[in-house]
Amino acid sequence: MSDALPGPANAADPAAPRPGAVVAVLAFAGIVVSLMQTLVIPIVPELPKLLDAPASDTAWAVTATLLAAAVATPVVGRLGDMFGKRRMLLVSVVLLVTGSILCALSDSLVPMIVGRAVQGLASAVVPLGISIMRDELPTERLAGATALMSASLGVGGALGLPTAALIADHFDWHVLFWSSAGMGAVALVLVLLFVPESKVRSGGRFDVVGGLGMAAGLVSLLLAISKGADWGWTSATTLGLFAAAVVVLLAWGFFELRTTEPLVDLRTTARRQVLVTNLASIAIGFSMFAMSLVLPQLLQLPTQTGFGLGKSLLTAGLVMAPSGLVMMAFAPVSAAVSKAKGPKVTLMIGALIVAAGYGLNIVAMSQVWHLVLVSCVIGAGIGFTYGAMPALIMGAVDPTETAAANSLNTLMRSIGTSCASAIAGVILSQMTISLGGYALPSENGFKSVMALGAGAALLAFAVASFIPRRRPVTGTAPVPTAESSAEPSSDASPVS
């Protein structure tokens, strides 16, 4: 039974949350978590020397974060719906601080991998923040606030690279993680002071078997995707992991459909609006990450290649940074379009802008300002899409399922980015030129990845066209339509 209460407290109530403070604090927490994702990038080439370990082993400092985030995001989202979103947000930020301190104190491989995995467990902060906004903010503030919170992922990622490069160039590498711990501690205090605990909870019992099954399936899938290039795509290990993922996830789905309190309500997930939005999210995640792979490499490759710009990592980060600010700037625009035309239209517009950005990149990549322009165009498109996806999800699920549904949507984007990394890596490793005895990605290789990014964005546009046409989502409750009323409501579901 759901113990969901009516919406946010009246603004005249002195105990009511201050919307501006809630939005600012939650967006800051989202930026801190996304900064953590890019913090290690400047020192990845140096990790074998810093940790006295082979490069194949130090790569786990990145892979561990990916796997931990994939498992934690849907699990923590479900726990937030059950026991309190603010409570799980605080737990997530504490894990971020703890993982950062472990990394800051490490000088060997195992503590670093453990610390990075613990950091990855904090990745549910953004979907939890969006869900808190749905419960606590006035109707008129919700669309813009959720768009800003969603954009915080891109903002932190874009600003994280130059910040981390600057720190790595001028200080001991441990300072990177002390900085992450410090920002996490600030976020923790701000959440305690300004973010209220939502009374909208589903209650119930946590689905331990479902959690373990989903974790096993996702780890098998993402491990095969992320390490397949190193192990060989046709190796027994890679193929075995893919096969295990298929078997485990099918068995998990069968179990979830038959348990009374599932980790993921697959019937809700199968609703047309939720399902199609999640499919579009995979394509958008793929398209977004292609930019992060291509532009820094183009900027840093030597000019002797004929297309590289010979810039430092810090310069590459500074070139990427404006895209994060553009994402934030376009969050209110995304919200305004969603209010006027509906989030489906916003998502489709954003996908077209992203595709146009990659098309521009194919013909304009010879100057630094070309890549600044391209990153800003793609950033604007991502700002549109990231603002629309939470609105589409929240417009189709019960308030007691918001955190779990948003967390699953975030996971879909992560799967898209993982696939982008794997496929782009294969393309760039196969399409190469020789310079000074070294094989480097060719110009055509980069153009192929950009074309793939444009194609993924156009695929997202096409998929999004199948989202049911609904009135604009302007409130905290799902917008009823003939189609939604024909579907089984979440109140009729065993988990409500």
Protein backbone atom coordinates (compact mmCIF):
# COMPACT_ATOMS: atom_id res chain seq x y z
CA MET A 1 0.00 0.00 0.00
CA SER A 2 1.32 3.44 -0.84
CA ASP A 3 1.51 6.05 1.91
CA ALA A 4 1.93 8.87 -0.60
CA LEU A 5 0.61 12.18 0.68
CA PRO A 6 -0.52 15.26 -1.22
CA GLY A 7 2.05 17.41 -3.02
CA PRO A 8 4.44 19.98 -1.61
CA ALA A 9 3.67 22.11 1.39
CA ASN A 10 2.03 25.48 0.93
CA ALA A 11 4.48 28.28 0.32
CA ALA A 12 3.00 30.21 3.26
CA ASP A 13 3.99 27.43 5.64
CA PRO A 14 7.21 28.48 7.40
CA ALA A 15 8.32 24.84 7.37
CA ALA A 16 7.88 24.58 3.59
CA PRO A 17 11.08 24.05 1.60
CA ARG A 18 12.60 27.03 -0.17
CA PRO A 19 12.38 26.03 -3.84
CA GLY A 20 15.38 28.06 -4.96
CA ALA A 21 17.62 26.58 -2.27
CA VAL A 22 16.40 23.04 -2.94
CA VAL A 23 17.09 23.35 -6.67
CA ALA A 24 20.53 24.94 -6.17
CA VAL A 25 21.66 22.34 -3.63
CA LEU A 26 20.45 19.35 -5.62
CA ALA A 27 22.01 20.69 -8.85
CA PHE A 28 25.30 21.25 -7.01
CA ALA A 29 25.20 17.68 -5.70
CA GLY A 30 24.61 16.44 -9.25
CA ILE A 31 27.57 18.44 -10.55
CA VAL A 32 29.82 17.07 -7.78
CA VAL A 33 28.91 13.48 -8.68
CA SER A 34 29.45 14.04 -12.41
CA LEU A 35 32.79 15.76 -11.67
CA MET A 36 33.83 12.53 -9.95
CA GLN A 37 33.30 10.64 -13.22
CA THR A 38 35.87 12.74 -15.14
CA LEU A 39 38.27 13.43 -12.27
CA VAL A 40 40.54 10.48 -13.03
CA ILE A 41 40.84 11.06 -16.82
CA PRO A 42 43.98 13.27 -16.71
CA ILE A 43 45.94 10.70 -14.72
CA VAL A 44 44.78 7.51 -16.49
CA PRO A 45 47.95 7.33 -18.68
CA GLU A 46 50.09 7.82 -15.55
CA LEU A 47 48.32 5.31 -13.30
CA PRO A 48 50.61 2.35 -14.16
CA LYS A 49 53.60 4.36 -12.89
CA LEU A 50 51.74 5.98 -9.97
CA LEU A 51 50.33 2.69 -8.71
CA ASP A 52 53.19 0.42 -9.83
CA ALA A 53 50.85 -1.85 -11.76
CA PRO A 54 50.28 -2.95 -15.39
CA ALA A 55 48.09 -0.71 -17.56
CA SER A 56 45.60 -3.55 -18.05
CA ASP A 57 45.07 -3.63 -14.27
CA THR A 58 44.94 0.13 -13.68
CA ALA A 59 42.17 0.38 -16.29
CA TRP A 60 39.95 -1.12 -13.59
CA ALA A 61 40.05 2.25 -11.83
CA VAL A 62 37.64 3.39 -14.56
CA THR A 63 35.79 0.10 -15.10
CA ALA A 64 35.05 -0.36 -11.38
CA THR A 65 33.24 2.98 -11.25
CA LEU A 66 31.14 2.09 -14.30
CA LEU A 67 30.09 -1.30 -12.90
CA ALA A 68 29.33 0.03 -9.42
CA ALA A 69 27.24 2.88 -10.84
CA ALA A 70 25.25 0.53 -13.07
CA VAL A 71 24.32 -1.68 -10.13
CA ALA A 72 23.77 1.06 -7.55
CA THR A 73 21.65 3.48 -9.58
CA PRO A 74 18.46 1.37 -9.92
CA VAL A 75 18.90 -0.25 -6.50
CA VAL A 76 19.33 3.05 -4.66
CA GLY A 77 16.47 4.56 -6.63
CA ARG A 78 14.15 1.80 -5.46
CA LEU A 79 15.36 2.17 -1.88
CA GLY A 80 14.67 5.90 -2.14
CA ASP A 81 11.08 5.26 -3.17
CA MET A 82 10.66 2.82 -0.30
CA PHE A 83 12.46 4.49 2.62
CA GLY A 84 13.03 8.14 1.72
CA LYS A 85 14.73 9.86 -1.20
CA ARG A 86 16.64 12.39 0.92
CA ARG A 87 17.89 9.59 3.15
CA MET A 88 19.30 7.68 0.19
CA LEU A 89 20.68 10.90 -1.29
CA LEU A 90 22.63 11.45 1.92
CA VAL A 91 23.86 7.84 1.86
CA SER A 92 25.02 8.33 -1.75
CA VAL A 93 26.94 11.52 -0.94
CA VAL A 94 28.56 9.85 2.09
CA LEU A 95 29.68 7.03 -0.22
CA LEU A 96 31.15 9.61 -2.62
CA VAL A 97 33.15 11.21 0.20
CA THR A 98 34.27 7.83 1.54
CA GLY A 99 35.39 6.61 -1.89
CA SER A 100 37.23 9.87 -2.55
CA ILE A 101 39.11 9.62 0.74
CA LEU A 102 40.07 5.99 0.01
CA CYS A 103 41.50 7.07 -3.36
CA ALA A 104 43.26 10.07 -1.82
CA LEU A 105 44.99 7.82 0.70
CA SER A 106 45.94 5.12 -1.82
CA ASP A 107 49.33 4.50 -3.38
CA SER A 108 48.61 1.01 -4.71
CA LEU A 109 46.13 -0.60 -7.06
CA VAL A 110 43.65 -2.38 -4.78
CA PRO A 111 42.71 0.61 -2.55
CA MET A 112 42.34 2.77 -5.67
CA ILE A 113 39.96 0.30 -7.34
CA VAL A 114 37.96 -0.10 -4.12
CA GLY A 115 37.74 3.67 -3.71
CA ARG A 116 36.64 4.20 -7.30
CA ALA A 117 33.98 1.50 -6.91
CA VAL A 118 32.66 3.17 -3.76
CA GLN A 119 32.57 6.49 -5.64
CA GLY A 120 30.52 4.81 -8.35
CA LEU A 121 27.93 3.79 -5.77
CA ALA A 122 27.02 7.50 -5.48
CA SER A 123 25.76 7.74 -9.05
CA ALA A 124 22.06 7.72 -8.08
CA VAL A 125 22.28 11.32 -6.83
CA VAL A 126 20.81 12.86 -10.01
CA PRO A 127 17.71 10.62 -10.35
CA LEU A 128 17.12 10.92 -6.61
CA GLY A 129 17.39 14.71 -6.88
CA ILE A 130 14.87 14.81 -9.73
CA SER A 131 12.47 12.68 -7.71
CA ILE A 132 12.81 14.95 -4.65
CA MET A 133 11.96 17.90 -6.88
CA ARG A 134 8.79 16.19 -8.06
CA ASP A 135 7.69 15.68 -4.45
CA GLU A 136 8.67 19.06 -3.02
CA LEU A 137 8.60 21.84 -5.61
CA PRO A 138 5.62 23.95 -6.67
CA THR A 139 4.12 22.96 -9.98
CA GLU A 140 5.40 26.00 -11.84
CA ARG A 141 9.02 25.34 -10.80
CA LEU A 142 9.16 21.64 -11.57
CA ALA A 143 9.92 21.56 -15.31
CA GLY A 144 12.80 24.05 -15.16
CA ALA A 145 14.25 22.50 -12.01
CA THR A 146 14.28 18.94 -13.35
CA ALA A 147 15.83 20.15 -16.63
CA LEU A 148 18.59 21.89 -14.66
CA MET A 149 19.16 18.84 -12.46
CA SER A 150 19.39 16.59 -15.49
CA ALA A 151 21.81 18.99 -17.18
CA SER A 152 24.07 18.91 -14.10
CA LEU A 153 25.43 15.58 -15.38
CA GLY A 154 26.74 17.26 -18.52
CA VAL A 155 27.85 20.39 -16.68
CA GLY A 156 29.98 18.46 -14.21
CA GLY A 157 31.44 16.30 -16.95
CA ALA A 158 32.37 19.30 -19.11
CA LEU A 159 33.86 21.35 -16.27
CA GLY A 160 35.54 18.37 -14.64
CA LEU A 161 38.12 17.76 -17.36
CA PRO A 162 39.83 21.20 -17.33
CA THR A 163 39.61 21.39 -13.54
CA ALA A 164 41.16 17.96 -13.11
CA ALA A 165 43.84 18.69 -15.73
CA LEU A 166 44.75 21.92 -13.96
CA ILE A 167 45.04 20.19 -10.60
CA ALA A 168 47.01 17.26 -12.05
CA ASP A 169 49.47 19.64 -13.77
CA HIS A 170 50.23 21.72 -10.68
CA PHE A 171 49.68 19.50 -7.64
CA ASP A 172 50.17 15.96 -6.41
CA TRP A 173 47.60 13.64 -8.00
CA HIS A 174 46.08 12.82 -4.60
CA VAL A 175 44.74 16.39 -4.50
CA LEU A 176 42.23 15.39 -7.19
CA PHE A 177 40.52 13.05 -4.74
CA TRP A 178 40.86 15.33 -1.72
CA SER A 179 39.08 17.96 -3.82
CA SER A 180 36.32 15.48 -4.63
CA ALA A 181 35.98 14.60 -0.94
CA GLY A 182 35.82 18.27 0.01
CA MET A 183 33.11 19.08 -2.53
CA GLY A 184 31.18 16.01 -1.46
CA ALA A 185 31.35 17.13 2.18
CA VAL A 186 30.01 20.57 1.21
CA ALA A 187 27.17 18.91 -0.74
CA LEU A 188 26.39 16.71 2.28
CA VAL A 189 26.07 19.71 4.62
CA LEU A 190 23.93 21.64 2.13
CA VAL A 191 21.56 18.69 1.65
CA LEU A 192 21.19 18.36 5.44
CA LEU A 193 20.41 22.07 5.76
CA PHE A 194 18.17 22.77 2.80
CA VAL A 195 16.63 19.60 1.33
CA PRO A 196 13.53 18.21 3.07
CA GLU A 197 12.63 14.55 3.36
CA SER A 198 9.73 13.62 1.12
CA LYS A 199 6.69 11.96 2.68
CA VAL A 200 5.94 10.19 -0.64
CA ARG A 201 7.07 6.61 -0.07
CA SER A 202 5.98 3.23 -1.33
CA GLY A 203 7.07 1.23 1.71
CA GLY A 204 7.26 -2.54 1.33
CA ARG A 205 10.08 -5.05 1.39
CA PHE A 206 13.24 -4.79 -0.69
CA ASP A 207 13.58 -7.38 -3.44
CA VAL A 208 16.97 -8.90 -2.54
CA VAL A 209 16.80 -11.67 -5.14
CA GLY A 210 15.86 -9.16 -7.84
CA GLY A 211 18.71 -6.89 -6.79
CA LEU A 212 21.27 -9.68 -6.95
CA GLY A 213 19.94 -10.94 -10.28
CA MET A 214 19.98 -7.50 -11.88
CA ALA A 215 23.48 -6.84 -10.54
CA ALA A 216 24.79 -10.09 -11.99
CA GLY A 217 23.18 -9.45 -15.38
CA LEU A 218 24.32 -5.82 -15.64
CA VAL A 219 27.87 -6.56 -14.51
CA SER A 220 28.16 -9.36 -17.08
CA LEU A 221 26.81 -7.13 -19.86
CA LEU A 222 28.84 -4.00 -19.10
CA LEU A 223 32.00 -5.96 -18.35
CA ALA A 224 31.78 -7.61 -21.78
CA ILE A 225 31.13 -4.26 -23.47
CA SER A 226 33.84 -2.31 -21.64
CA LYS A 227 36.59 -4.98 -21.72
CA GLY A 228 35.72 -6.76 -24.97
CA ALA A 229 38.32 -4.83 -26.97
CA ASP A 230 41.06 -5.82 -24.50
CA TRP A 231 40.06 -9.45 -24.22
CA GLY A 232 38.99 -9.90 -27.85
CA TRP A 233 35.39 -9.67 -29.01
CA THR A 234 35.36 -13.35 -29.98
CA SER A 235 37.24 -14.59 -26.91
CA ALA A 236 35.61 -17.17 -24.67
CA THR A 237 35.53 -14.69 -21.78
CA THR A 238 33.72 -11.96 -23.73
CA LEU A 239 31.24 -14.30 -25.41
CA GLY A 240 30.65 -16.11 -22.11
CA LEU A 241 29.84 -12.83 -20.37
CA PHE A 242 27.41 -11.80 -23.12
CA ALA A 243 25.72 -15.20 -22.91
CA ALA A 244 25.56 -15.00 -19.11
CA ALA A 245 24.02 -11.51 -19.34
CA VAL A 246 21.27 -12.75 -21.66
CA VAL A 247 20.44 -15.79 -19.52
CA VAL A 248 20.58 -13.97 -16.19
CA LEU A 249 18.57 -10.94 -17.34
CA LEU A 250 15.88 -13.14 -18.90
CA ALA A 251 15.61 -15.16 -15.69
CA TRP A 252 15.58 -11.92 -13.69
CA GLY A 253 12.74 -10.54 -15.81
CA PHE A 254 10.76 -13.75 -15.37
CA PHE A 255 11.22 -13.52 -11.59
CA GLU A 256 10.36 -9.80 -11.43
CA LEU A 257 7.05 -10.37 -13.23
CA ARG A 258 6.03 -12.95 -10.64
CA THR A 259 7.13 -11.39 -7.38
CA THR A 260 4.73 -9.18 -5.44
CA GLU A 261 7.27 -6.43 -4.61
CA PRO A 262 9.75 -6.33 -7.51
CA LEU A 263 12.89 -4.22 -7.64
CA VAL A 264 11.74 -2.96 -11.05
CA ASP A 265 8.06 -3.01 -11.92
CA LEU A 266 8.40 -4.31 -15.47
CA ARG A 267 4.73 -3.69 -16.18
CA THR A 268 5.25 0.01 -15.54
CA THR A 269 8.51 -0.07 -17.50
CA ALA A 270 6.66 -1.65 -20.43
CA ARG A 271 4.21 1.23 -20.68
CA ARG A 272 4.69 2.80 -24.06
CA GLN A 273 5.82 6.22 -22.85
CA VAL A 274 8.36 4.79 -20.38
CA LEU A 275 9.64 2.07 -22.72
CA VAL A 276 10.11 4.32 -25.75
CA THR A 277 11.73 7.07 -23.66
CA ASN A 278 14.22 4.56 -22.25
CA LEU A 279 15.05 3.26 -25.73
CA ALA A 280 15.61 6.82 -26.94
CA SER A 281 17.80 7.41 -23.87
CA ILE A 282 20.17 4.61 -24.91
CA ALA A 283 20.65 6.27 -28.31
CA ILE A 284 21.09 9.72 -26.72
CA GLY A 285 23.66 8.34 -24.26
CA PHE A 286 25.56 6.81 -27.18
CA SER A 287 25.48 10.04 -29.14
CA MET A 288 26.53 12.22 -26.20
CA PHE A 289 29.58 10.14 -25.33
CA ALA A 290 30.86 10.09 -28.91
CA MET A 291 31.66 13.80 -28.52
CA SER A 292 33.63 13.14 -25.33
CA LEU A 293 35.71 10.53 -27.17
CA VAL A 294 36.40 12.43 -30.40
CA LEU A 295 36.97 16.09 -29.56
CA PRO A 296 39.70 15.70 -26.88
CA GLN A 297 41.67 13.35 -29.15
CA LEU A 298 41.43 15.69 -32.14
CA LEU A 299 42.69 18.54 -29.98
CA GLN A 300 45.63 16.58 -28.55
CA LEU A 301 46.91 14.67 -31.59
CA PRO A 302 50.12 16.16 -33.05
CA THR A 303 49.82 18.61 -35.93
CA GLN A 304 52.04 16.32 -38.02
CA THR A 305 49.00 14.11 -38.59
CA GLY A 306 47.51 16.84 -40.78
CA PHE A 307 44.32 17.07 -38.74
CA GLY A 308 45.41 17.02 -35.07
CA LEU A 309 45.67 20.38 -33.32
CA GLY A 310 48.57 19.59 -30.96
CA LYS A 311 47.01 21.06 -27.82
CA SER A 312 47.47 20.07 -24.18
CA LEU A 313 44.93 18.17 -22.10
CA LEU A 314 44.18 21.38 -20.19
CA THR A 315 43.43 23.21 -23.44
CA ALA A 316 41.25 20.33 -24.58
CA GLY A 317 39.32 20.55 -21.33
CA LEU A 318 38.88 24.30 -21.70
CA VAL A 319 37.54 23.80 -25.22
CA MET A 320 34.96 21.32 -23.88
CA ALA A 321 33.98 23.42 -20.85
CA PRO A 322 31.62 25.87 -22.64
CA SER A 323 29.39 22.95 -23.66
CA GLY A 324 28.54 22.38 -19.98
CA LEU A 325 27.56 26.01 -19.54
CA VAL A 326 25.44 25.80 -22.70
CA MET A 327 23.65 22.74 -21.27
CA MET A 328 22.82 24.71 -18.15
CA ALA A 329 21.74 27.77 -20.15
CA PHE A 330 19.39 25.69 -22.30
CA ALA A 331 17.73 23.96 -19.32
CA PRO A 332 15.07 26.70 -18.94
CA VAL A 333 14.58 26.77 -22.72
CA SER A 334 14.00 23.04 -22.67
CA ALA A 335 11.48 23.48 -19.86
CA ALA A 336 9.66 26.24 -21.74
CA VAL A 337 9.36 24.13 -24.89
CA SER A 338 8.12 21.16 -22.82
CA LYS A 339 5.51 23.37 -21.18
CA ALA A 340 4.31 24.73 -24.52
CA LYS A 341 4.58 21.67 -26.76
CA GLY A 342 5.22 18.72 -24.47
CA PRO A 343 8.48 16.93 -23.58
CA LYS A 344 8.18 14.59 -26.57
CA VAL A 345 8.71 17.56 -28.92
CA THR A 346 11.58 18.81 -26.76
CA LEU A 347 13.32 15.43 -26.93
CA MET A 348 12.95 15.28 -30.70
CA ILE A 349 14.26 18.84 -31.16
CA GLY A 350 17.25 18.06 -28.95
CA ALA A 351 18.08 14.92 -30.93
CA LEU A 352 18.04 16.90 -34.19
CA ILE A 353 20.34 19.56 -32.70
CA VAL A 354 22.81 16.88 -31.58
CA ALA A 355 22.77 15.30 -35.05
CA ALA A 356 23.37 18.74 -36.62
CA GLY A 357 26.34 19.27 -34.28
CA TYR A 358 27.99 16.07 -35.43
CA GLY A 359 27.28 16.91 -39.05
CA LEU A 360 28.97 20.27 -38.51
CA ASN A 361 31.95 18.51 -36.91
CA ILE A 362 32.48 16.33 -39.99
CA VAL A 363 33.02 19.41 -42.17
CA ALA A 364 34.57 21.75 -39.55
CA MET A 365 37.38 20.24 -37.47
CA SER A 366 40.53 22.09 -38.51
CA GLN A 367 40.49 24.97 -35.99
CA VAL A 368 40.07 25.17 -32.23
CA TRP A 369 37.06 27.47 -32.59
CA HIS A 370 35.43 24.88 -34.85
CA LEU A 371 35.48 22.37 -32.01
CA VAL A 372 34.28 24.95 -29.46
CA LEU A 373 31.31 25.65 -31.73
CA VAL A 374 30.62 21.96 -32.30
CA SER A 375 30.74 21.15 -28.57
CA CYS A 376 28.36 24.02 -27.83
CA VAL A 377 25.86 22.93 -30.49
CA ILE A 378 25.92 19.35 -29.24
CA GLY A 379 25.72 20.62 -25.65
CA ALA A 380 22.60 22.61 -26.50
CA GLY A 381 20.97 19.50 -27.96
CA ILE A 382 21.89 17.43 -24.93
CA GLY A 383 20.45 20.15 -22.69
CA PHE A 384 17.14 19.76 -24.53
CA THR A 385 17.10 15.97 -24.36
CA TYR A 386 18.23 15.69 -20.74
CA GLY A 387 15.52 18.12 -19.69
CA ALA A 388 12.80 16.22 -21.56
CA MET A 389 13.53 12.64 -20.47
CA PRO A 390 12.72 13.03 -16.74
CA ALA A 391 9.51 14.88 -17.64
CA LEU A 392 8.45 12.01 -19.90
CA ILE A 393 9.23 9.42 -17.25
CA MET A 394 7.47 11.32 -14.44
CA GLY A 395 4.47 11.89 -16.69
CA ALA A 396 3.88 8.13 -16.87
CA VAL A 397 4.65 6.71 -13.41
CA ASP A 398 3.14 6.95 -9.96
CA PRO A 399 4.86 9.36 -7.51
CA THR A 400 5.86 6.39 -5.35
CA GLU A 401 7.87 4.96 -8.28
CA THR A 402 9.59 8.16 -9.41
CA ALA A 403 13.09 7.51 -8.08
CA ALA A 404 13.21 3.94 -9.37
CA ALA A 405 11.89 4.97 -12.80
CA ASN A 406 14.33 7.90 -13.14
CA SER A 407 17.19 5.70 -11.98
CA LEU A 408 16.37 3.12 -14.63
CA ASN A 409 16.33 5.88 -17.25
CA THR A 410 19.76 7.03 -16.06
CA LEU A 411 20.99 3.43 -16.36
CA MET A 412 19.76 3.30 -19.98
CA ARG A 413 21.86 6.36 -20.80
CA SER A 414 24.87 4.73 -19.13
CA ILE A 415 24.43 1.62 -21.26
CA GLY A 416 24.40 3.88 -24.32
CA THR A 417 27.64 5.60 -23.30
CA SER A 418 29.30 2.23 -22.61
CA CYS A 419 28.34 0.99 -26.07
CA ALA A 420 29.65 4.23 -27.61
CA SER A 421 33.00 3.78 -25.88
CA ALA A 422 33.32 0.19 -27.08
CA ILE A 423 32.23 0.75 -30.69
CA ALA A 424 34.20 3.98 -31.12
CA GLY A 425 37.25 2.25 -29.69
CA VAL A 426 36.97 -0.51 -32.28
CA ILE A 427 36.60 2.00 -35.14
CA LEU A 428 39.51 4.16 -34.04
CA SER A 429 41.76 1.15 -33.50
CA GLN A 430 41.02 -0.22 -36.98
CA MET A 431 41.16 3.03 -38.99
CA THR A 432 44.66 4.27 -38.29
CA ILE A 433 47.67 6.06 -39.77
CA SER A 434 51.34 5.57 -38.93
CA LEU A 435 53.34 8.46 -37.46
CA GLY A 436 56.86 7.96 -36.15
CA GLY A 437 56.29 4.23 -35.93
CA TYR A 438 53.10 4.63 -33.88
CA ALA A 439 49.57 3.84 -35.03
CA LEU A 440 47.21 6.76 -34.48
CA PRO A 441 43.49 7.11 -35.30
CA SER A 442 42.95 8.47 -38.80
CA GLU A 443 40.88 11.47 -39.82
CA ASN A 444 38.38 9.17 -41.52
CA GLY A 445 38.17 7.16 -38.31
CA PHE A 446 37.12 10.24 -36.38
CA LYS A 447 34.65 11.21 -39.09
CA SER A 448 33.18 7.71 -38.95
CA VAL A 449 32.63 8.02 -35.19
CA MET A 450 31.05 11.44 -35.68
CA ALA A 451 28.77 10.03 -38.37
CA LEU A 452 27.85 7.26 -35.94
CA GLY A 453 27.06 9.87 -33.26
CA ALA A 454 24.83 11.73 -35.73
CA GLY A 455 23.14 8.45 -36.68
CA ALA A 456 22.49 7.62 -33.01
CA ALA A 457 20.90 11.04 -32.51
CA LEU A 458 18.69 10.56 -35.57
CA LEU A 459 17.75 7.12 -34.25
CA ALA A 460 16.73 8.75 -30.96
CA PHE A 461 14.60 11.21 -32.96
CA ALA A 462 12.91 8.37 -34.80
CA VAL A 463 12.32 6.34 -31.64
CA ALA A 464 10.96 9.38 -29.78
CA SER A 465 8.37 9.88 -32.50
CA PHE A 466 6.62 6.76 -31.15
CA ILE A 467 6.12 8.30 -27.69
CA PRO A 468 2.38 8.80 -27.17
CA ARG A 469 1.19 12.32 -27.92
CA ARG A 470 0.21 13.89 -24.63
CA ARG A 471 -0.51 17.27 -23.21
CA PRO A 472 2.52 19.15 -21.84
CA VAL A 473 3.63 17.93 -18.43
CA THR A 474 3.41 20.94 -16.11
CA GLY A 475 2.59 19.36 -12.78
CA THR A 476 3.80 16.71 -10.46
CA ALA A 477 1.21 14.14 -11.39
CA PRO A 478 1.02 12.07 -14.55
CA VAL A 479 -1.12 13.56 -17.27
CA PRO A 480 -4.11 11.27 -17.86
CA THR A 481 -5.00 10.31 -21.38
CA ALA A 482 -7.23 7.72 -22.99
CA GLU A 483 -4.20 5.53 -23.53
CA SER A 484 -2.91 5.81 -19.98
CA SER A 485 -6.32 5.17 -18.50
CA ALA A 486 -6.58 2.02 -20.59
CA GLU A 487 -3.35 0.73 -19.06
CA PRO A 488 -3.31 -0.82 -15.61
CA SER A 489 -2.65 1.94 -13.09
CA SER A 490 0.16 1.63 -10.57
CA ASP A 491 -2.42 1.61 -7.81
CA ALA A 492 -3.61 -1.71 -9.18
CA SER A 493 -0.10 -3.07 -9.23
CA PRO A 494 0.97 -5.48 -6.50
CA VAL A 495 3.81 -3.15 -5.50
CA SER A 496 1.66 -0.12 -4.71
